[in-house]
Amino acid sequence: MSTSTENETGVAVAVGAAAGTAAGVEVADCVHCGEPTEYPATTRGVTLCPVCEWQEAQRTACSG
């Protein structure tokens, strides 16, 4: 069972099964904000939480 809670930006984030804790899988922390991501801790490279992924996509999107 997963629940949700609000982080400091007021965005609801999943806690529990959705974050991988119920399955016993350790999740990686976001390199920008430190929140749990949707990726296992063994994932290589930059791991971002859904909020930071969305913000990064907005920053790098073509604006023209």
PDB file of N, CA and C in Angstrom:
ATOM      1  N   MET A   1       0.845  -1.176   0.000  1.00  0.00           N
ATOM      2  CA  MET A   1       0.000   0.000   0.000  1.00  0.00           C
ATOM      3  C   MET A   1       0.886   1.234   0.000  1.00  0.00           C
ATOM      4  N   SER A   2       0.582   2.152  -0.876  1.00  0.00           N
ATOM      5  CA  SER A   2       1.372   3.379  -0.903  1.00  0.00           C
ATOM      6  C   SER A   2       0.501   4.546  -0.476  1.00  0.00           C
ATOM      7  N   THR A   3       1.141   5.518   0.086  1.00  0.00           N
ATOM      8  CA  THR A   3       0.452   6.737   0.478  1.00  0.00           C
ATOM      9  C   THR A   3       1.159   7.897  -0.180  1.00  0.00           C
ATOM     10  N   SER A   4       0.590   9.076  -0.057  1.00  0.00           N
ATOM     11  CA  SER A   4       1.286  10.230  -0.611  1.00  0.00           C
ATOM     12  C   SER A   4       1.383  11.301   0.448  1.00  0.00           C
ATOM     13  N   THR A   5       2.356  12.145   0.291  1.00  0.00           N
ATOM     14  CA  THR A   5       2.577  13.256   1.183  1.00  0.00           C
ATOM     15  C   THR A   5       3.081  14.422   0.363  1.00  0.00           C
ATOM     16  N   GLU A   6       3.030  15.616   0.890  1.00  0.00           N
ATOM     17  CA  GLU A   6       3.514  16.769   0.146  1.00  0.00           C
ATOM     18  C   GLU A   6       4.947  17.079   0.540  1.00  0.00           C
ATOM     19  N   ASN A   7       5.775  17.375  -0.466  1.00  0.00           N
ATOM     20  CA  ASN A   7       7.142  17.780  -0.164  1.00  0.00           C
ATOM     21  C   ASN A   7       7.171  19.286   0.052  1.00  0.00           C
ATOM     22  N   GLU A   8       8.353  19.860   0.218  1.00  0.00           N
ATOM     23  CA  GLU A   8       8.459  21.282   0.547  1.00  0.00           C
ATOM     24  C   GLU A   8       7.964  22.202  -0.556  1.00  0.00           C
ATOM     25  N   THR A   9       7.813  21.695  -1.777  1.00  0.00           N
ATOM     26  CA  THR A   9       7.294  22.520  -2.864  1.00  0.00           C
ATOM     27  C   THR A   9       5.782  22.407  -2.999  1.00  0.00           C
ATOM     28  N   GLY A  10       5.157  21.595  -2.150  1.00  0.00           N
ATOM     29  CA  GLY A  10       3.710  21.438  -2.175  1.00  0.00           C
ATOM     30  C   GLY A  10       3.237  20.397  -3.172  1.00  0.00           C
ATOM     31  N   VAL A  11       4.153  19.625  -3.753  1.00  0.00           N
ATOM     32  CA  VAL A  11       3.803  18.611  -4.729  1.00  0.00           C
ATOM     33  C   VAL A  11       3.642  17.286  -4.004  1.00  0.00           C
ATOM     34  N   ALA A  12       2.563  16.573  -4.295  1.00  0.00           N
ATOM     35  CA  ALA A  12       2.336  15.280  -3.674  1.00  0.00           C
ATOM     36  C   ALA A  12       3.338  14.279  -4.220  1.00  0.00           C
ATOM     37  N   VAL A  13       3.993  13.547  -3.335  1.00  0.00           N
ATOM     38  CA  VAL A  13       4.955  12.527  -3.734  1.00  0.00           C
ATOM     39  C   VAL A  13       4.539  11.201  -3.124  1.00  0.00           C
ATOM     40  N   ALA A  14       4.818  10.113  -3.830  1.00  0.00           N
ATOM     41  CA  ALA A  14       4.458   8.787  -3.355  1.00  0.00           C
ATOM     42  C   ALA A  14       5.434   8.324  -2.296  1.00  0.00           C
ATOM     43  N   VAL A  15       4.892   7.629  -1.303  1.00  0.00           N
ATOM     44  CA  VAL A  15       5.719   7.072  -0.244  1.00  0.00           C
ATOM     45  C   VAL A  15       5.291   5.628  -0.061  1.00  0.00           C
ATOM     46  N   GLY A  16       6.239   4.735   0.103  1.00  0.00           N
ATOM     47  CA  GLY A  16       5.895   3.341   0.349  1.00  0.00           C
ATOM     48  C   GLY A  16       6.146   2.491  -0.874  1.00  0.00           C
ATOM     49  N   ALA A  17       5.130   1.731  -1.291  1.00  0.00           N
ATOM     50  CA  ALA A  17       5.296   0.782  -2.390  1.00  0.00           C
ATOM     51  C   ALA A  17       5.713   1.467  -3.673  1.00  0.00           C
ATOM     52  N   ALA A  18       5.160   2.624  -3.957  1.00  0.00           N
ATOM     53  CA  ALA A  18       5.510   3.321  -5.190  1.00  0.00           C
ATOM     54  C   ALA A  18       6.963   3.766  -5.178  1.00  0.00           C
ATOM     55  N   ALA A  19       7.500   4.020  -4.023  1.00  0.00           N
ATOM     56  CA  ALA A  19       8.897   4.434  -3.911  1.00  0.00           C
ATOM     57  C   ALA A  19       9.841   3.240  -3.849  1.00  0.00           C
ATOM     58  N   GLY A  20       9.293   2.031  -3.862  1.00  0.00           N
ATOM     59  CA  GLY A  20      10.122   0.834  -3.878  1.00  0.00           C
ATOM     60  C   GLY A  20      10.458   0.288  -2.510  1.00  0.00           C
ATOM     61  N   THR A  21      10.016   0.908  -1.439  1.00  0.00           N
ATOM     62  CA  THR A  21      10.401   0.438  -0.113  1.00  0.00           C
ATOM     63  C   THR A  21       9.672  -0.842   0.271  1.00  0.00           C
ATOM     64  N   ALA A  22       8.440  -1.041  -0.194  1.00  0.00           N
ATOM     65  CA  ALA A  22       7.699  -2.248   0.156  1.00  0.00           C
ATOM     66  C   ALA A  22       8.299  -3.473  -0.524  1.00  0.00           C
ATOM     67  N   ALA A  23       8.875  -3.280  -1.695  1.00  0.00           N
ATOM     68  CA  ALA A  23       9.475  -4.391  -2.429  1.00  0.00           C
ATOM     69  C   ALA A  23      10.895  -4.683  -1.939  1.00  0.00           C
ATOM     70  N   GLY A  24      11.411  -3.883  -1.039  1.00  0.00           N
ATOM     71  CA  GLY A  24      12.747  -4.091  -0.516  1.00  0.00           C
ATOM     72  C   GLY A  24      13.840  -3.561  -1.420  1.00  0.00           C
ATOM     73  N   VAL A  25      13.472  -2.739  -2.388  1.00  0.00           N
ATOM     74  CA  VAL A  25      14.445  -2.180  -3.322  1.00  0.00           C
ATOM     75  C   VAL A  25      14.856  -0.802  -2.831  1.00  0.00           C
ATOM     76  N   GLU A  26      16.160  -0.597  -2.675  1.00  0.00           N
ATOM     77  CA  GLU A  26      16.656   0.714  -2.266  1.00  0.00           C
ATOM     78  C   GLU A  26      16.606   1.642  -3.468  1.00  0.00           C
ATOM     79  N   VAL A  27      16.031   2.831  -3.284  1.00  0.00           N
ATOM     80  CA  VAL A  27      15.898   3.768  -4.396  1.00  0.00           C
ATOM     81  C   VAL A  27      16.972   4.845  -4.331  1.00  0.00           C
ATOM     82  N   ALA A  28      17.311   5.373  -5.500  1.00  0.00           N
ATOM     83  CA  ALA A  28      18.308   6.430  -5.592  1.00  0.00           C
ATOM     84  C   ALA A  28      17.699   7.757  -5.172  1.00  0.00           C
ATOM     85  N   ASP A  29      18.519   8.643  -4.650  1.00  0.00           N
ATOM     86  CA  ASP A  29      18.083   9.994  -4.310  1.00  0.00           C
ATOM     87  C   ASP A  29      18.301  10.912  -5.499  1.00  0.00           C
ATOM     88  N   CYS A  30      17.437  11.903  -5.632  1.00  0.00           N
ATOM     89  CA  CYS A  30      17.566  12.908  -6.683  1.00  0.00           C
ATOM     90  C   CYS A  30      18.845  13.712  -6.447  1.00  0.00           C
ATOM     91  N   VAL A  31      19.611  13.946  -7.504  1.00  0.00           N
ATOM     92  CA  VAL A  31      20.864  14.680  -7.347  1.00  0.00           C
ATOM     93  C   VAL A  31      20.633  16.177  -7.149  1.00  0.00           C
ATOM     94  N   HIS A  32      19.427  16.668  -7.466  1.00  0.00           N
ATOM     95  CA  HIS A  32      19.132  18.090  -7.285  1.00  0.00           C
ATOM     96  C   HIS A  32      18.525  18.395  -5.920  1.00  0.00           C
ATOM     97  N   CYS A  33      17.492  17.643  -5.538  1.00  0.00           N
ATOM     98  CA  CYS A  33      16.766  17.992  -4.308  1.00  0.00           C
ATOM     99  C   CYS A  33      16.891  16.957  -3.192  1.00  0.00           C
ATOM    100  N   GLY A  34      17.385  15.765  -3.495  1.00  0.00           N
ATOM    101  CA  GLY A  34      17.560  14.740  -2.475  1.00  0.00           C
ATOM    102  C   GLY A  34      16.345  13.883  -2.211  1.00  0.00           C
ATOM    103  N   GLU A  35      15.233  14.141  -2.904  1.00  0.00           N
ATOM    104  CA  GLU A  35      14.022  13.326  -2.732  1.00  0.00           C
ATOM    105  C   GLU A  35      14.244  11.953  -3.364  1.00  0.00           C
ATOM    106  N   PRO A  36      13.504  10.932  -2.916  1.00  0.00           N
ATOM    107  CA  PRO A  36      13.615   9.610  -3.551  1.00  0.00           C
ATOM    108  C   PRO A  36      13.158   9.675  -5.010  1.00  0.00           C
ATOM    109  N   THR A  37      13.788   8.877  -5.859  1.00  0.00           N
ATOM    110  CA  THR A  37      13.420   8.823  -7.266  1.00  0.00           C
ATOM    111  C   THR A  37      12.630   7.551  -7.542  1.00  0.00           C
ATOM    112  N   GLU A  38      12.299   7.329  -8.799  1.00  0.00           N
ATOM    113  CA  GLU A  38      11.621   6.104  -9.222  1.00  0.00           C
ATOM    114  C   GLU A  38      12.627   5.040  -9.637  1.00  0.00           C
ATOM    115  N   TYR A  39      13.922   5.318  -9.490  1.00  0.00           N
ATOM    116  CA  TYR A  39      14.969   4.438  -9.988  1.00  0.00           C
ATOM    117  C   TYR A  39      15.665   3.713  -8.847  1.00  0.00           C
ATOM    118  N   PRO A  40      16.109   2.478  -9.101  1.00  0.00           N
ATOM    119  CA  PRO A  40      16.861   1.769  -8.062  1.00  0.00           C
ATOM    120  C   PRO A  40      18.204   2.451  -7.803  1.00  0.00           C
ATOM    121  N   ALA A  41      18.741   2.241  -6.630  1.00  0.00           N
ATOM    122  CA  ALA A  41      20.003   2.870  -6.240  1.00  0.00           C
ATOM    123  C   ALA A  41      21.163   2.425  -7.121  1.00  0.00           C
ATOM    124  N   THR A  42      21.010   1.314  -7.817  1.00  0.00           N
ATOM    125  CA  THR A  42      22.076   0.810  -8.680  1.00  0.00           C
ATOM    126  C   THR A  42      22.095   1.489 -10.050  1.00  0.00           C
ATOM    127  N   THR A  43      21.152   2.394 -10.319  1.00  0.00           N
ATOM    128  CA  THR A  43      21.098   3.090 -11.607  1.00  0.00           C
ATOM    129  C   THR A  43      22.303   4.004 -11.753  1.00  0.00           C
ATOM    130  N   ARG A  44      22.957   3.915 -12.901  1.00  0.00           N
ATOM    131  CA  ARG A  44      24.133   4.742 -13.163  1.00  0.00           C
ATOM    132  C   ARG A  44      23.699   6.078 -13.741  1.00  0.00           C
ATOM    133  N   GLY A  45      24.530   7.073 -13.549  1.00  0.00           N
ATOM    134  CA  GLY A  45      24.273   8.391 -14.119  1.00  0.00           C
ATOM    135  C   GLY A  45      23.450   9.274 -13.197  1.00  0.00           C
ATOM    136  N   VAL A  46      22.940  10.353 -13.752  1.00  0.00           N
ATOM    137  CA  VAL A  46      22.170  11.328 -12.991  1.00  0.00           C
ATOM    138  C   VAL A  46      20.758  10.797 -12.781  1.00  0.00           C
ATOM    139  N   THR A  47      20.342  10.711 -11.514  1.00  0.00           N
ATOM    140  CA  THR A  47      18.976  10.288 -11.202  1.00  0.00           C
ATOM    141  C   THR A  47      18.210  11.486 -10.664  1.00  0.00           C
ATOM    142  N   LEU A  48      17.046  11.728 -11.241  1.00  0.00           N
ATOM    143  CA  LEU A  48      16.209  12.855 -10.838  1.00  0.00           C
ATOM    144  C   LEU A  48      14.842  12.349 -10.411  1.00  0.00           C
ATOM    145  N   CYS A  49      14.244  13.038  -9.445  1.00  0.00           N
ATOM    146  CA  CYS A  49      12.877  12.728  -9.044  1.00  0.00           C
ATOM    147  C   CYS A  49      11.944  13.219 -10.157  1.00  0.00           C
ATOM    148  N   PRO A  50      10.678  12.798 -10.157  1.00  0.00           N
ATOM    149  CA  PRO A  50       9.759  13.229 -11.212  1.00  0.00           C
ATOM    150  C   PRO A  50       9.635  14.751 -11.334  1.00  0.00           C
ATOM    151  N   VAL A  51       9.640  15.460 -10.232  1.00  0.00           N
ATOM    152  CA  VAL A  51       9.511  16.924 -10.276  1.00  0.00           C
ATOM    153  C   VAL A  51      10.730  17.546 -10.946  1.00  0.00           C
ATOM    154  N   CYS A  52      11.926  17.133 -10.539  1.00  0.00           N
ATOM    155  CA  CYS A  52      13.141  17.687 -11.123  1.00  0.00           C
ATOM    156  C   CYS A  52      13.297  17.258 -12.586  1.00  0.00           C
ATOM    157  N   GLU A  53      12.853  16.038 -12.929  1.00  0.00           N
ATOM    158  CA  GLU A  53      12.882  15.613 -14.331  1.00  0.00           C
ATOM    159  C   GLU A  53      12.019  16.537 -15.175  1.00  0.00           C
ATOM    160  N   TRP A  54      10.817  16.842 -14.686  1.00  0.00           N
ATOM    161  CA  TRP A  54       9.910  17.729 -15.410  1.00  0.00           C
ATOM    162  C   TRP A  54      10.517  19.119 -15.552  1.00  0.00           C
ATOM    163  N   GLN A  55      11.087  19.645 -14.476  1.00  0.00           N
ATOM    164  CA  GLN A  55      11.698  20.975 -14.527  1.00  0.00           C
ATOM    165  C   GLN A  55      12.887  20.995 -15.482  1.00  0.00           C
ATOM    166  N   GLU A  56      13.680  19.931 -15.497  1.00  0.00           N
ATOM    167  CA  GLU A  56      14.814  19.844 -16.418  1.00  0.00           C
ATOM    168  C   GLU A  56      14.328  19.803 -17.860  1.00  0.00           C
ATOM    169  N   ALA A  57      13.269  19.086 -18.117  1.00  0.00           N
ATOM    170  CA  ALA A  57      12.708  19.022 -19.473  1.00  0.00           C
ATOM    171  C   ALA A  57      12.202  20.391 -19.899  1.00  0.00           C
ATOM    172  N   GLN A  58      11.614  21.136 -18.987  1.00  0.00           N
ATOM    173  CA  GLN A  58      11.133  22.478 -19.305  1.00  0.00           C
ATOM    174  C   GLN A  58      12.299  23.420 -19.636  1.00  0.00           C
ATOM    175  N   ARG A  59      13.403  23.289 -18.894  1.00  0.00           N
ATOM    176  CA  ARG A  59      14.570  24.152 -19.129  1.00  0.00           C
ATOM    177  C   ARG A  59      15.246  23.855 -20.465  1.00  0.00           C
ATOM    178  N   THR A  60      15.256  22.590 -20.853  1.00  0.00           N
ATOM    179  CA  THR A  60      15.981  22.215 -22.060  1.00  0.00           C
ATOM    180  C   THR A  60      15.108  22.146 -23.303  1.00  0.00           C
ATOM    181  N   ALA A  61      13.803  22.377 -23.151  1.00  0.00           N
ATOM    182  CA  ALA A  61      12.897  22.312 -24.300  1.00  0.00           C
ATOM    183  C   ALA A  61      13.181  23.446 -25.278  1.00  0.00           C
ATOM    184  N   CYS A  62      12.901  23.177 -26.526  1.00  0.00           N
ATOM    185  CA  CYS A  62      13.055  24.199 -27.565  1.00  0.00           C
ATOM    186  C   CYS A  62      12.034  25.299 -27.330  1.00  0.00           C
ATOM    187  N   SER A  63      12.493  26.516 -27.351  1.00  0.00           N
ATOM    188  CA  SER A  63      11.572  27.641 -27.088  1.00  0.00           C
ATOM    189  C   SER A  63      11.431  28.494 -28.334  1.00  0.00           C
ATOM    190  N   GLY A  64      10.977  27.905 -29.377  1.00  0.00           N
ATOM    191  CA  GLY A  64      10.913  28.756 -30.536  1.00  0.00           C
ATOM    192  C   GLY A  64       9.923  28.391 -31.491  1.00  0.00           C
TER     193      GLY A  64
END
